């Protein structure tokens, strides 16, 4: 599954994951402007847990206020970013596309 993880060291990072399984992703300095190492899991979450993590994310970095528009509040990332323990909101590519392309067929 392809997902966006929000506020990864101030970035939105697209990654390919299997929900519930550990992964490691390295975004090079050329791609991200600095090396960013993401390791952990993307897992299902209750809407309440997702909303709490989303609000914590926006409080930490107001640049991510736009993610309050996420409607499918079901996934979070839990792990480390550059060695720091974090919990961050995540969204599947399909759910992201549905927010903007309501009624349009999304091919996988």
N, C-alpha and C. Protein backbone atom coordinates (compact mmCIF):
# COMPACT_ATOMS: atom_id res chain seq x y z
N UNK A 1 0.85 -1.17 0.00
CA UNK A 1 0.00 0.00 0.00
C UNK A 1 0.90 1.24 0.00
N UNK A 2 0.54 2.21 -0.80
CA UNK A 2 1.26 3.48 -0.82
C UNK A 2 0.56 4.44 0.13
N UNK A 3 1.37 5.11 0.97
CA UNK A 3 0.82 6.06 1.94
C UNK A 3 1.67 7.32 1.98
N UNK A 4 1.04 8.39 2.43
CA UNK A 4 1.75 9.60 2.81
C UNK A 4 1.87 9.58 4.32
N UNK A 5 3.06 9.90 4.82
CA UNK A 5 3.25 10.12 6.26
C UNK A 5 3.52 11.61 6.40
N UNK A 6 2.77 12.25 7.29
CA UNK A 6 2.82 13.70 7.42
C UNK A 6 3.72 14.15 8.57
N UNK A 7 4.46 15.23 8.34
CA UNK A 7 5.36 15.88 9.29
C UNK A 7 6.55 15.00 9.66
N UNK A 8 7.11 14.34 8.66
CA UNK A 8 8.34 13.58 8.83
C UNK A 8 9.49 14.58 8.76
N UNK A 9 9.92 15.04 9.92
CA UNK A 9 10.96 16.07 9.98
C UNK A 9 10.56 17.27 9.12
N UNK A 10 9.25 17.63 9.20
CA UNK A 10 8.72 18.78 8.47
C UNK A 10 8.30 18.49 7.04
N UNK A 11 8.40 17.24 6.61
CA UNK A 11 8.07 16.86 5.23
C UNK A 11 6.87 15.92 5.18
N UNK A 12 6.27 15.83 4.01
CA UNK A 12 5.30 14.78 3.71
C UNK A 12 6.03 13.76 2.87
N UNK A 13 6.08 12.52 3.38
CA UNK A 13 6.88 11.49 2.73
C UNK A 13 5.98 10.38 2.20
N UNK A 14 6.07 10.09 0.88
CA UNK A 14 5.33 8.96 0.32
C UNK A 14 6.17 7.69 0.45
N UNK A 15 5.55 6.63 0.98
CA UNK A 15 6.26 5.35 1.13
C UNK A 15 5.35 4.20 0.76
N UNK A 16 5.95 3.09 0.39
CA UNK A 16 5.24 1.85 0.11
C UNK A 16 5.40 0.97 1.35
N UNK A 17 4.28 0.55 1.95
CA UNK A 17 4.32 -0.25 3.18
C UNK A 17 3.29 -1.37 3.14
N UNK A 18 3.49 -2.33 4.01
CA UNK A 18 2.46 -3.31 4.33
C UNK A 18 1.99 -2.95 5.72
N UNK A 19 0.72 -2.54 5.89
CA UNK A 19 0.26 -2.14 7.22
C UNK A 19 0.57 -3.20 8.27
N UNK A 20 1.11 -2.74 9.39
CA UNK A 20 1.43 -3.62 10.51
C UNK A 20 2.79 -4.26 10.43
N UNK A 21 3.49 -4.14 9.30
CA UNK A 21 4.82 -4.74 9.17
C UNK A 21 5.89 -3.65 9.21
N UNK A 22 7.02 -3.93 9.89
CA UNK A 22 8.09 -2.94 9.98
C UNK A 22 8.70 -2.62 8.61
N UNK A 23 9.12 -1.38 8.45
CA UNK A 23 9.79 -0.96 7.22
C UNK A 23 10.84 0.09 7.58
N UNK A 24 11.74 0.30 6.66
CA UNK A 24 12.73 1.37 6.77
C UNK A 24 12.78 2.09 5.43
N UNK A 25 12.77 3.41 5.49
CA UNK A 25 12.80 4.24 4.29
C UNK A 25 13.85 5.32 4.51
N UNK A 26 14.72 5.50 3.55
CA UNK A 26 15.73 6.55 3.61
C UNK A 26 15.49 7.51 2.46
N UNK A 27 15.27 8.76 2.79
CA UNK A 27 15.13 9.81 1.79
C UNK A 27 16.46 10.55 1.74
N UNK A 28 17.09 10.52 0.59
CA UNK A 28 18.43 11.09 0.45
C UNK A 28 18.40 12.62 0.53
N UNK A 29 19.58 13.17 0.74
CA UNK A 29 19.71 14.63 0.77
C UNK A 29 19.28 15.24 -0.56
N UNK A 30 19.56 14.55 -1.66
CA UNK A 30 19.18 15.05 -2.97
C UNK A 30 17.66 15.10 -3.12
N UNK A 31 16.96 14.09 -2.60
CA UNK A 31 15.50 14.02 -2.72
C UNK A 31 14.78 14.91 -1.72
N UNK A 32 15.29 14.98 -0.50
CA UNK A 32 14.56 15.66 0.58
C UNK A 32 15.24 16.93 1.09
N UNK A 33 16.39 17.26 0.54
CA UNK A 33 17.10 18.45 1.02
C UNK A 33 17.98 18.16 2.23
N UNK A 34 17.79 16.99 2.82
CA UNK A 34 18.58 16.48 3.94
C UNK A 34 18.27 15.00 4.05
N UNK A 35 19.16 14.23 4.61
CA UNK A 35 18.86 12.80 4.76
C UNK A 35 17.84 12.61 5.86
N UNK A 36 16.80 11.83 5.56
CA UNK A 36 15.75 11.53 6.53
C UNK A 36 15.58 10.01 6.56
N UNK A 37 15.71 9.43 7.76
CA UNK A 37 15.56 7.99 7.93
C UNK A 37 14.28 7.74 8.73
N UNK A 38 13.38 6.97 8.10
CA UNK A 38 12.08 6.66 8.70
C UNK A 38 12.03 5.15 8.91
N UNK A 39 11.77 4.71 10.15
CA UNK A 39 11.65 3.28 10.40
C UNK A 39 10.58 3.04 11.46
N UNK A 40 9.72 2.07 11.17
CA UNK A 40 8.63 1.76 12.09
C UNK A 40 7.54 1.01 11.35
N UNK A 41 6.29 1.27 11.76
CA UNK A 41 5.14 0.63 11.12
C UNK A 41 4.05 1.65 10.85
N UNK A 42 3.29 1.39 9.81
CA UNK A 42 2.03 2.09 9.60
C UNK A 42 0.97 1.09 10.03
N UNK A 43 0.10 1.53 10.93
CA UNK A 43 -0.89 0.61 11.47
C UNK A 43 -2.26 1.26 11.53
N UNK A 44 -3.30 0.41 11.59
CA UNK A 44 -4.65 0.95 11.76
C UNK A 44 -4.78 1.64 13.12
N UNK A 45 -5.62 2.65 13.17
CA UNK A 45 -5.88 3.38 14.41
C UNK A 45 -7.35 3.73 14.47
N UNK A 46 -7.83 3.91 15.67
CA UNK A 46 -9.21 4.39 15.82
C UNK A 46 -9.25 5.85 15.37
N UNK A 47 -10.44 6.32 15.04
CA UNK A 47 -10.57 7.72 14.63
C UNK A 47 -10.13 8.65 15.76
N UNK A 48 -10.42 8.28 16.99
CA UNK A 48 -10.04 9.11 18.14
C UNK A 48 -8.51 9.21 18.26
N UNK A 49 -7.81 8.07 18.13
CA UNK A 49 -6.35 8.09 18.22
C UNK A 49 -5.77 8.89 17.06
N UNK A 50 -6.29 8.67 15.86
CA UNK A 50 -5.81 9.40 14.69
C UNK A 50 -5.98 10.90 14.90
N UNK A 51 -7.16 11.31 15.35
CA UNK A 51 -7.44 12.74 15.55
C UNK A 51 -6.50 13.35 16.59
N UNK A 52 -6.24 12.62 17.67
CA UNK A 52 -5.33 13.12 18.71
C UNK A 52 -3.92 13.32 18.12
N UNK A 53 -3.45 12.33 17.36
CA UNK A 53 -2.12 12.42 16.76
C UNK A 53 -2.07 13.53 15.71
N UNK A 54 -3.13 13.68 14.92
CA UNK A 54 -3.22 14.75 13.94
C UNK A 54 -3.13 16.11 14.63
N UNK A 55 -3.90 16.29 15.69
CA UNK A 55 -3.89 17.59 16.39
C UNK A 55 -2.53 17.86 17.04
N UNK A 56 -1.88 16.83 17.58
CA UNK A 56 -0.53 16.99 18.12
C UNK A 56 0.43 17.43 17.01
N UNK A 57 0.27 16.85 15.83
CA UNK A 57 1.12 17.18 14.69
C UNK A 57 0.94 18.64 14.27
N UNK A 58 -0.31 19.07 14.18
CA UNK A 58 -0.59 20.47 13.79
C UNK A 58 -0.09 21.43 14.86
N UNK A 59 -0.23 21.07 16.14
CA UNK A 59 0.26 21.93 17.21
C UNK A 59 1.79 22.08 17.13
N UNK A 60 2.46 21.00 16.77
CA UNK A 60 3.92 21.03 16.66
C UNK A 60 4.37 21.78 15.40
N UNK A 61 3.60 21.62 14.31
CA UNK A 61 3.99 22.24 13.04
C UNK A 61 2.74 22.75 12.32
N UNK A 62 2.37 24.03 12.54
CA UNK A 62 1.17 24.59 11.94
C UNK A 62 1.13 24.54 10.41
N UNK A 63 2.27 24.32 9.76
CA UNK A 63 2.28 24.17 8.30
C UNK A 63 1.43 22.99 7.85
N UNK A 64 1.13 22.08 8.76
CA UNK A 64 0.35 20.89 8.41
C UNK A 64 -1.14 21.03 8.76
N UNK A 65 -1.60 22.24 8.98
CA UNK A 65 -3.01 22.48 9.31
C UNK A 65 -3.95 21.90 8.25
N UNK A 66 -3.55 21.89 7.01
CA UNK A 66 -4.38 21.39 5.90
C UNK A 66 -4.76 19.92 6.09
N UNK A 67 -3.98 19.13 6.84
CA UNK A 67 -4.30 17.71 7.00
C UNK A 67 -5.53 17.50 7.88
N UNK A 68 -6.03 18.55 8.49
CA UNK A 68 -7.30 18.42 9.23
C UNK A 68 -8.44 18.01 8.30
N UNK A 69 -8.24 18.19 7.00
CA UNK A 69 -9.26 17.82 6.00
C UNK A 69 -9.31 16.33 5.71
N UNK A 70 -8.38 15.56 6.24
CA UNK A 70 -8.37 14.11 6.00
C UNK A 70 -9.68 13.52 6.51
N UNK A 71 -10.35 12.76 5.65
CA UNK A 71 -11.63 12.15 6.04
C UNK A 71 -11.49 10.70 6.44
N UNK A 72 -10.56 9.97 5.85
CA UNK A 72 -10.33 8.56 6.20
C UNK A 72 -9.29 8.51 7.30
N UNK A 73 -9.73 8.66 8.54
CA UNK A 73 -8.82 8.78 9.68
C UNK A 73 -8.55 7.40 10.27
N UNK A 74 -7.77 6.61 9.53
CA UNK A 74 -7.62 5.21 9.93
C UNK A 74 -6.18 4.73 10.10
N UNK A 75 -5.17 5.50 9.66
CA UNK A 75 -3.79 5.02 9.68
C UNK A 75 -2.87 5.99 10.41
N UNK A 76 -1.95 5.42 11.19
CA UNK A 76 -0.89 6.23 11.78
C UNK A 76 0.45 5.55 11.55
N UNK A 77 1.51 6.34 11.58
CA UNK A 77 2.87 5.83 11.57
C UNK A 77 3.37 5.89 13.00
N UNK A 78 3.99 4.80 13.43
CA UNK A 78 4.58 4.74 14.77
C UNK A 78 5.99 4.20 14.61
N UNK A 79 6.96 4.97 15.07
CA UNK A 79 8.35 4.53 14.93
C UNK A 79 9.31 5.66 15.19
N UNK A 80 10.36 5.71 14.37
CA UNK A 80 11.41 6.71 14.55
C UNK A 80 11.65 7.46 13.25
N UNK A 81 11.93 8.75 13.40
CA UNK A 81 12.39 9.60 12.31
C UNK A 81 13.73 10.16 12.75
N UNK A 82 14.78 9.79 12.03
CA UNK A 82 16.15 10.19 12.40
C UNK A 82 16.44 9.87 13.87
N UNK A 83 15.97 8.70 14.32
CA UNK A 83 16.24 8.23 15.68
C UNK A 83 15.30 8.73 16.75
N UNK A 84 14.42 9.68 16.42
CA UNK A 84 13.49 10.24 17.40
C UNK A 84 12.16 9.48 17.32
N UNK A 85 11.65 9.01 18.48
CA UNK A 85 10.37 8.31 18.55
C UNK A 85 9.23 9.27 18.20
N UNK A 86 8.34 8.83 17.30
CA UNK A 86 7.23 9.67 16.87
C UNK A 86 5.99 8.82 16.61
N UNK A 87 4.84 9.48 16.65
CA UNK A 87 3.58 8.96 16.13
C UNK A 87 3.05 10.06 15.22
N UNK A 88 2.79 9.69 13.96
CA UNK A 88 2.40 10.68 12.97
C UNK A 88 1.19 10.20 12.18
N UNK A 89 0.36 11.13 11.69
CA UNK A 89 -0.76 10.72 10.85
C UNK A 89 -0.27 10.24 9.49
N UNK A 90 -1.00 9.26 8.96
CA UNK A 90 -0.69 8.72 7.63
C UNK A 90 -2.01 8.61 6.86
N UNK A 91 -1.88 8.60 5.54
CA UNK A 91 -3.07 8.52 4.68
C UNK A 91 -2.71 7.74 3.42
N UNK A 92 -3.56 6.80 3.04
CA UNK A 92 -3.29 6.03 1.83
C UNK A 92 -3.42 6.95 0.60
N UNK A 93 -2.69 6.60 -0.46
CA UNK A 93 -2.79 7.36 -1.70
C UNK A 93 -4.23 7.37 -2.20
N UNK A 94 -4.91 6.23 -2.08
CA UNK A 94 -6.30 6.15 -2.54
C UNK A 94 -7.19 7.12 -1.78
N UNK A 95 -7.05 7.16 -0.45
CA UNK A 95 -7.87 8.08 0.34
C UNK A 95 -7.53 9.54 0.03
N UNK A 96 -6.24 9.81 -0.17
CA UNK A 96 -5.82 11.16 -0.56
C UNK A 96 -6.48 11.56 -1.87
N UNK A 97 -6.43 10.67 -2.85
CA UNK A 97 -7.02 10.96 -4.16
C UNK A 97 -8.52 11.18 -4.06
N UNK A 98 -9.20 10.38 -3.25
CA UNK A 98 -10.65 10.51 -3.10
C UNK A 98 -11.04 11.88 -2.55
N UNK A 99 -10.20 12.44 -1.69
CA UNK A 99 -10.50 13.77 -1.14
C UNK A 99 -10.56 14.83 -2.23
N UNK A 100 -9.78 14.65 -3.28
CA UNK A 100 -9.68 15.65 -4.33
C UNK A 100 -10.41 15.27 -5.61
N UNK A 101 -10.63 14.00 -5.81
CA UNK A 101 -11.20 13.52 -7.06
C UNK A 101 -12.52 12.80 -6.81
N UNK A 102 -13.34 13.32 -5.94
CA UNK A 102 -14.62 12.68 -5.62
C UNK A 102 -15.38 12.33 -6.88
N UNK A 103 -15.70 11.06 -7.02
CA UNK A 103 -16.45 10.62 -8.18
C UNK A 103 -15.62 10.22 -9.38
N UNK A 104 -14.30 10.34 -9.28
CA UNK A 104 -13.41 9.97 -10.37
C UNK A 104 -12.81 8.61 -10.06
N UNK A 105 -12.73 7.75 -11.03
CA UNK A 105 -12.15 6.43 -10.87
C UNK A 105 -10.66 6.56 -10.62
N UNK A 106 -10.17 5.94 -9.55
CA UNK A 106 -8.75 5.95 -9.23
C UNK A 106 -8.19 4.58 -9.58
N UNK A 107 -7.23 4.53 -10.50
CA UNK A 107 -6.60 3.28 -10.90
C UNK A 107 -5.45 2.95 -9.98
N UNK A 108 -5.27 1.67 -9.71
CA UNK A 108 -4.16 1.25 -8.82
C UNK A 108 -3.09 0.60 -9.62
